[in-house]
PDB file of N, CA and C in Angstrom:
ATOM      1  N   MET A   1      77.071  90.122 109.252  1.00  0.00           N
ATOM      2  CA  MET A   1      78.189  90.255 108.586  1.00  0.00           C
ATOM      3  C   MET A   1      78.221  90.211 107.011  1.00  0.00           C
ATOM      4  N   GLN A   2      77.156  89.515 106.495  1.00  0.00           N
ATOM      5  CA  GLN A   2      76.974  89.713 105.239  1.00  0.00           C
ATOM      6  C   GLN A   2      76.640  91.068 104.647  1.00  0.00           C
ATOM      7  N   ASP A   3      75.996  92.028 105.461  1.00  0.00           N
ATOM      8  CA  ASP A   3      75.727  93.312 105.137  1.00  0.00           C
ATOM      9  C   ASP A   3      77.001  94.064 104.916  1.00  0.00           C
ATOM     10  N   TYR A   4      77.918  93.794 105.946  1.00  0.00           N
ATOM     11  CA  TYR A   4      79.270  94.587 105.998  1.00  0.00           C
ATOM     12  C   TYR A   4      80.064  94.216 104.629  1.00  0.00           C
ATOM     13  N   GLN A   5      80.063  92.732 104.352  1.00  0.00           N
ATOM     14  CA  GLN A   5      80.733  92.278 103.313  1.00  0.00           C
ATOM     15  C   GLN A   5      80.196  92.966 101.844  1.00  0.00           C
ATOM     16  N   ALA A   6      78.916  93.112 101.892  1.00  0.00           N
ATOM     17  CA  ALA A   6      78.340  93.494 100.687  1.00  0.00           C
ATOM     18  C   ALA A   6      78.646  95.103 100.517  1.00  0.00           C
ATOM     19  N   GLN A   7      78.714  95.779 101.711  1.00  0.00           N
ATOM     20  CA  GLN A   7      79.009  97.064 101.520  1.00  0.00           C
ATOM     21  C   GLN A   7      80.560  97.448 101.166  1.00  0.00           C
ATOM     22  N   ILE A   8      81.268  96.542 101.818  1.00  0.00           N
ATOM     23  CA  ILE A   8      82.857  96.703 101.278  1.00  0.00           C
ATOM     24  C   ILE A   8      82.927  96.381  99.736  1.00  0.00           C
ATOM     25  N   GLU A   9      82.226  95.346  99.379  1.00  0.00           N
ATOM     26  CA  GLU A   9      82.505  95.055  97.992  1.00  0.00           C
ATOM     27  C   GLU A   9      81.816  96.213  96.993  1.00  0.00           C
ATOM     28  N   LYS A  10      80.822  96.822  97.493  1.00  0.00           N
ATOM     29  CA  LYS A  10      80.290  98.079  96.748  1.00  0.00           C
ATOM     30  C   LYS A  10      80.955  99.192  96.605  1.00  0.00           C
ATOM     31  N   LEU A  11      81.722  99.491  97.986  1.00  0.00           N
ATOM     32  CA  LEU A  11      82.646 100.506  97.981  1.00  0.00           C
ATOM     33  C   LEU A  11      83.822 100.319  97.192  1.00  0.00           C
ATOM     34  N   ARG A  12      84.338  99.136  97.231  1.00  0.00           N
ATOM     35  CA  ARG A  12      85.521  98.769  96.266  1.00  0.00           C
ATOM     36  C   ARG A  12      85.299  98.809  94.756  1.00  0.00           C
ATOM     37  N   LYS A  13      83.998  98.411  94.458  1.00  0.00           N
ATOM     38  CA  LYS A  13      83.628  98.493  93.145  1.00  0.00           C
ATOM     39  C   LYS A  13      83.592  99.910  92.500  1.00  0.00           C
ATOM     40  N   TYR A  14      82.983 100.843  93.592  1.00  0.00           N
ATOM     41  CA  TYR A  14      82.848 102.245  93.100  1.00  0.00           C
ATOM     42  C   TYR A  14      84.100 102.955  92.980  1.00  0.00           C
ATOM     43  N   ALA A  15      85.125 102.355  93.888  1.00  0.00           N
ATOM     44  CA  ALA A  15      86.483 103.041  93.877  1.00  0.00           C
ATOM     45  C   ALA A  15      87.221 102.500  92.547  1.00  0.00           C
ATOM     46  N   ALA A  16      86.976 101.318  92.208  1.00  0.00           N
ATOM     47  CA  ALA A  16      87.615 100.800  90.725  1.00  0.00           C
ATOM     48  C   ALA A  16      86.982 101.527  89.759  1.00  0.00           C
ATOM     49  N   GLU A  17      85.684 101.826  89.602  1.00  0.00           N
ATOM     50  CA  GLU A  17      85.054 102.605  88.709  1.00  0.00           C
ATOM     51  C   GLU A  17      85.611 104.058  88.500  1.00  0.00           C
ATOM     52  N   CYS A  18      85.758 104.600  89.684  1.00  0.00           N
ATOM     53  CA  CYS A  18      86.267 106.001  89.706  1.00  0.00           C
ATOM     54  C   CYS A  18      87.849 105.973  89.252  1.00  0.00           C
ATOM     55  N   ALA A  19      88.649 105.020  89.621  1.00  0.00           N
ATOM     56  CA  ALA A  19      89.897 105.025  89.161  1.00  0.00           C
ATOM     57  C   ALA A  19      89.982 104.792  87.707  1.00  0.00           C
ATOM     58  N   LEU A  20      89.076 104.122  87.082  1.00  0.00           N
ATOM     59  CA  LEU A  20      88.905 103.972  85.633  1.00  0.00           C
ATOM     60  C   LEU A  20      88.602 105.403  84.994  1.00  0.00           C
ATOM     61  N   ILE A  21      87.592 106.123  85.615  1.00  0.00           N
ATOM     62  CA  ILE A  21      87.289 107.303  84.900  1.00  0.00           C
ATOM     63  C   ILE A  21      88.468 108.289  85.074  1.00  0.00           C
ATOM     64  N   ARG A  22      89.110 108.291  86.374  1.00  0.00           N
ATOM     65  CA  ARG A  22      90.280 109.138  86.565  1.00  0.00           C
ATOM     66  C   ARG A  22      91.406 108.892  85.552  1.00  0.00           C
ATOM     67  N   ASP A  23      91.658 107.530  85.227  1.00  0.00           N
ATOM     68  CA  ASP A  23      92.735 107.178  84.370  1.00  0.00           C
ATOM     69  C   ASP A  23      92.362 107.547  82.846  1.00  0.00           C
ATOM     70  N   LEU A  24      91.040 107.768  82.500  1.00  0.00           N
ATOM     71  CA  LEU A  24      90.710 108.099  81.300  1.00  0.00           C
ATOM     72  C   LEU A  24      90.487 109.444  80.998  1.00  0.00           C
ATOM     73  N   ALA A  25      90.355 110.202  82.119  1.00  0.00           N
ATOM     74  CA  ALA A  25      90.039 111.710  82.140  1.00  0.00           C
ATOM     75  C   ALA A  25      91.302 112.530  81.363  1.00  0.00           C
ATOM     76  N   ILE A  26      90.774 113.402  80.673  1.00  0.00           N
ATOM     77  CA  ILE A  26      91.729 114.350  79.953  1.00  0.00           C
ATOM     78  C   ILE A  26      92.020 115.511  80.866  1.00  0.00           C
ATOM     79  N   ASP A  27      90.949 115.985  81.369  1.00  0.00           N
ATOM     80  CA  ASP A  27      90.809 117.282  82.123  1.00  0.00           C
ATOM     81  C   ASP A  27      91.517 116.963  83.548  1.00  0.00           C
ATOM     82  N   LYS A  28      92.465 117.957  83.899  1.00  0.00           N
ATOM     83  CA  LYS A  28      93.295 117.804  85.111  1.00  0.00           C
ATOM     84  C   LYS A  28      92.209 117.714  86.414  1.00  0.00           C
ATOM     85  N   ALA A  29      91.484 118.776  86.505  1.00  0.00           N
ATOM     86  CA  ALA A  29      90.556 118.732  87.546  1.00  0.00           C
ATOM     87  C   ALA A  29      89.625 117.676  87.729  1.00  0.00           C
ATOM     88  N   LYS A  30      89.171 117.095  86.780  1.00  0.00           N
ATOM     89  CA  LYS A  30      88.393 115.855  86.744  1.00  0.00           C
ATOM     90  C   LYS A  30      89.431 114.597  87.253  1.00  0.00           C
ATOM     91  N   ARG A  31      90.351 114.498  86.944  1.00  0.00           N
ATOM     92  CA  ARG A  31      91.576 113.427  87.228  1.00  0.00           C
ATOM     93  C   ARG A  31      91.683 113.609  88.751  1.00  0.00           C
ATOM     94  N   GLU A  32      91.925 114.796  89.306  1.00  0.00           N
ATOM     95  CA  GLU A  32      92.003 115.044  90.632  1.00  0.00           C
ATOM     96  C   GLU A  32      90.869 114.787  91.551  1.00  0.00           C
ATOM     97  N   LEU A  33      89.535 115.169  91.036  1.00  0.00           N
ATOM     98  CA  LEU A  33      88.440 114.857  91.529  1.00  0.00           C
ATOM     99  C   LEU A  33      88.166 113.346  91.866  1.00  0.00           C
ATOM    100  N   PHE A  34      88.513 112.772  90.788  1.00  0.00           N
ATOM    101  CA  PHE A  34      88.228 111.181  90.810  1.00  0.00           C
ATOM    102  C   PHE A  34      89.204 110.420  91.585  1.00  0.00           C
ATOM    103  N   ASP A  35      90.457 110.970  91.603  1.00  0.00           N
ATOM    104  CA  ASP A  35      91.447 110.486  92.474  1.00  0.00           C
ATOM    105  C   ASP A  35      91.007 110.693  93.793  1.00  0.00           C
ATOM    106  N   ARG A  36      90.583 111.880  94.149  1.00  0.00           N
ATOM    107  CA  ARG A  36      90.110 112.036  95.688  1.00  0.00           C
ATOM    108  C   ARG A  36      88.967 111.054  95.973  1.00  0.00           C
ATOM    109  N   LEU A  37      88.119 110.744  95.095  1.00  0.00           N
ATOM    110  CA  LEU A  37      86.870 109.708  95.265  1.00  0.00           C
ATOM    111  C   LEU A  37      87.599 108.469  95.375  1.00  0.00           C
ATOM    112  N   VAL A  38      88.450 108.025  94.653  1.00  0.00           N
ATOM    113  CA  VAL A  38      89.156 106.666  94.823  1.00  0.00           C
ATOM    114  C   VAL A  38      89.691 106.586  96.259  1.00  0.00           C
ATOM    115  N   ASN A  39      90.465 107.563  96.616  1.00  0.00           N
ATOM    116  CA  ASN A  39      91.125 107.634  97.953  1.00  0.00           C
ATOM    117  C   ASN A  39      89.975 107.464  99.173  1.00  0.00           C
ATOM    118  N   HIS A  40      88.911 108.280  98.894  1.00  0.00           N
ATOM    119  CA  HIS A  40      87.869 108.283 100.006  1.00  0.00           C
ATOM    120  C   HIS A  40      87.227 107.022  99.938  1.00  0.00           C
ATOM    121  N   LEU A  41      86.576 106.545  98.774  1.00  0.00           N
ATOM    122  CA  LEU A  41      86.035 105.171  98.784  1.00  0.00           C
ATOM    123  C   LEU A  41      86.890 103.971  99.309  1.00  0.00           C
ATOM    124  N   THR A  42      88.072 104.062  99.154  1.00  0.00           N
ATOM    125  CA  THR A  42      89.043 102.949  99.455  1.00  0.00           C
ATOM    126  C   THR A  42      89.277 103.096 101.147  1.00  0.00           C
ATOM    127  N   LEU A  43      89.268 104.283 101.526  1.00  0.00           N
ATOM    128  CA  LEU A  43      89.263 104.416 102.953  1.00  0.00           C
ATOM    129  C   LEU A  43      88.129 103.959 103.614  1.00  0.00           C
ATOM    130  N   LEU A  44      86.946 104.377 103.142  1.00  0.00           N
ATOM    131  CA  LEU A  44      85.764 104.061 103.778  1.00  0.00           C
ATOM    132  C   LEU A  44      85.525 102.400 103.770  1.00  0.00           C
ATOM    133  N   ALA A  45      85.944 101.837 102.591  1.00  0.00           N
ATOM    134  CA  ALA A  45      85.799 100.338 102.533  1.00  0.00           C
ATOM    135  C   ALA A  45      86.805  99.746 103.536  1.00  0.00           C
ATOM    136  N   ASP A  46      88.064 100.201 103.762  1.00  0.00           N
ATOM    137  CA  ASP A  46      88.783  99.786 104.763  1.00  0.00           C
ATOM    138  C   ASP A  46      88.270  99.913 106.153  1.00  0.00           C
ATOM    139  N   GLN A  47      87.605 101.148 106.399  1.00  0.00           N
ATOM    140  CA  GLN A  47      87.104 101.299 107.748  1.00  0.00           C
ATOM    141  C   GLN A  47      85.868 100.331 107.943  1.00  0.00           C
ATOM    142  N   VAL A  48      84.946 100.032 106.931  1.00  0.00           N
ATOM    143  CA  VAL A  48      83.933  99.252 107.160  1.00  0.00           C
ATOM    144  C   VAL A  48      84.496  97.622 107.442  1.00  0.00           C
ATOM    145  N   GLU A  49      85.584  97.424 106.700  1.00  0.00           N
ATOM    146  CA  GLU A  49      86.310  96.147 106.911  1.00  0.00           C
ATOM    147  C   GLU A  49      86.767  95.974 108.343  1.00  0.00           C
ATOM    148  N   MET A  50      87.471  97.072 108.815  1.00  0.00           N
ATOM    149  CA  MET A  50      88.036  96.977 110.093  1.00  0.00           C
ATOM    150  C   MET A  50      86.967  96.777 111.317  1.00  0.00           C
ATOM    151  N   ALA A  51      85.725  97.621 110.913  1.00  0.00           N
ATOM    152  CA  ALA A  51      84.702  97.469 111.946  1.00  0.00           C
ATOM    153  C   ALA A  51      83.978  96.093 111.995  1.00  0.00           C
ATOM    154  N   MET A  52      83.973  95.347 110.702  1.00  0.00           N
ATOM    155  CA  MET A  52      83.489  94.107 110.715  1.00  0.00           C
ATOM    156  C   MET A  52      84.329  92.993 111.492  1.00  0.00           C
ATOM    157  N   LEU A  53      85.829  93.201 111.164  1.00  0.00           N
ATOM    158  CA  LEU A  53      86.658  92.334 112.018  1.00  0.00           C
ATOM    159  C   LEU A  53      86.621  92.683 113.462  1.00  0.00           C
ATOM    160  N   GLU A  54      86.498  93.904 113.919  1.00  0.00           N
ATOM    161  CA  GLU A  54      86.359  94.235 115.382  1.00  0.00           C
ATOM    162  C   GLU A  54      85.034  93.612 115.804  1.00  0.00           C
ATOM    163  N   ARG A  55      83.955  93.627 115.134  1.00  0.00           N
ATOM    164  CA  ARG A  55      82.772  93.120 115.591  1.00  0.00           C
ATOM    165  C   ARG A  55      82.958  91.465 115.610  1.00  0.00           C
ATOM    166  N   LYS A  56      83.484  91.031 114.638  1.00  0.00           N
ATOM    167  CA  LYS A  56      83.660  89.387 114.731  1.00  0.00           C
ATOM    168  C   LYS A  56      84.624  89.043 115.791  1.00  0.00           C
ATOM    169  N   ASN A  57      85.504  89.849 116.142  1.00  0.00           N
ATOM    170  CA  ASN A  57      86.444  89.398 117.186  1.00  0.00           C
ATOM    171  C   ASN A  57      86.023  89.972 118.596  1.00  0.00           C
ATOM    172  N   GLY A  58      85.002  90.625 118.749  1.00  0.00           N
ATOM    173  CA  GLY A  58      84.409  91.135 119.976  1.00  0.00           C
ATOM    174  C   GLY A  58      85.182  92.195 120.552  1.00  0.00           C
ATOM    175  N   THR A  59      85.876  93.006 119.710  1.00  0.00           N
ATOM    176  CA  THR A  59      86.728  94.001 120.233  1.00  0.00           C
ATOM    177  C   THR A  59      86.309  95.406 119.852  1.00  0.00           C
ATOM    178  N   GLU A  60      85.039  95.549 119.908  1.00  0.00           N
ATOM    179  CA  GLU A  60      84.384  97.006 119.504  1.00  0.00           C
ATOM    180  C   GLU A  60      84.730  97.943 120.766  1.00  0.00           C
ATOM    181  N   GLY A  61      85.030  99.128 120.386  1.00  0.00           N
ATOM    182  CA  GLY A  61      85.293  99.919 121.416  1.00  0.00           C
ATOM    183  C   GLY A  61      84.850 101.334 121.209  1.00  0.00           C
TER     184      GLY A  61
END
């Protein structure tokens, strides 16, 4: 479980860093790229968290 939690924290940290870069970017293409990265990393973190909860509850499927 600690491995899952560590990965969730890393993904959320990376998403926050990408959000900062996105918010500071002047170039529209760069903003859009980093926005996609934020969304992707957040989704991955959510999926890892769901997998962790499913495994904890014994509802893997």
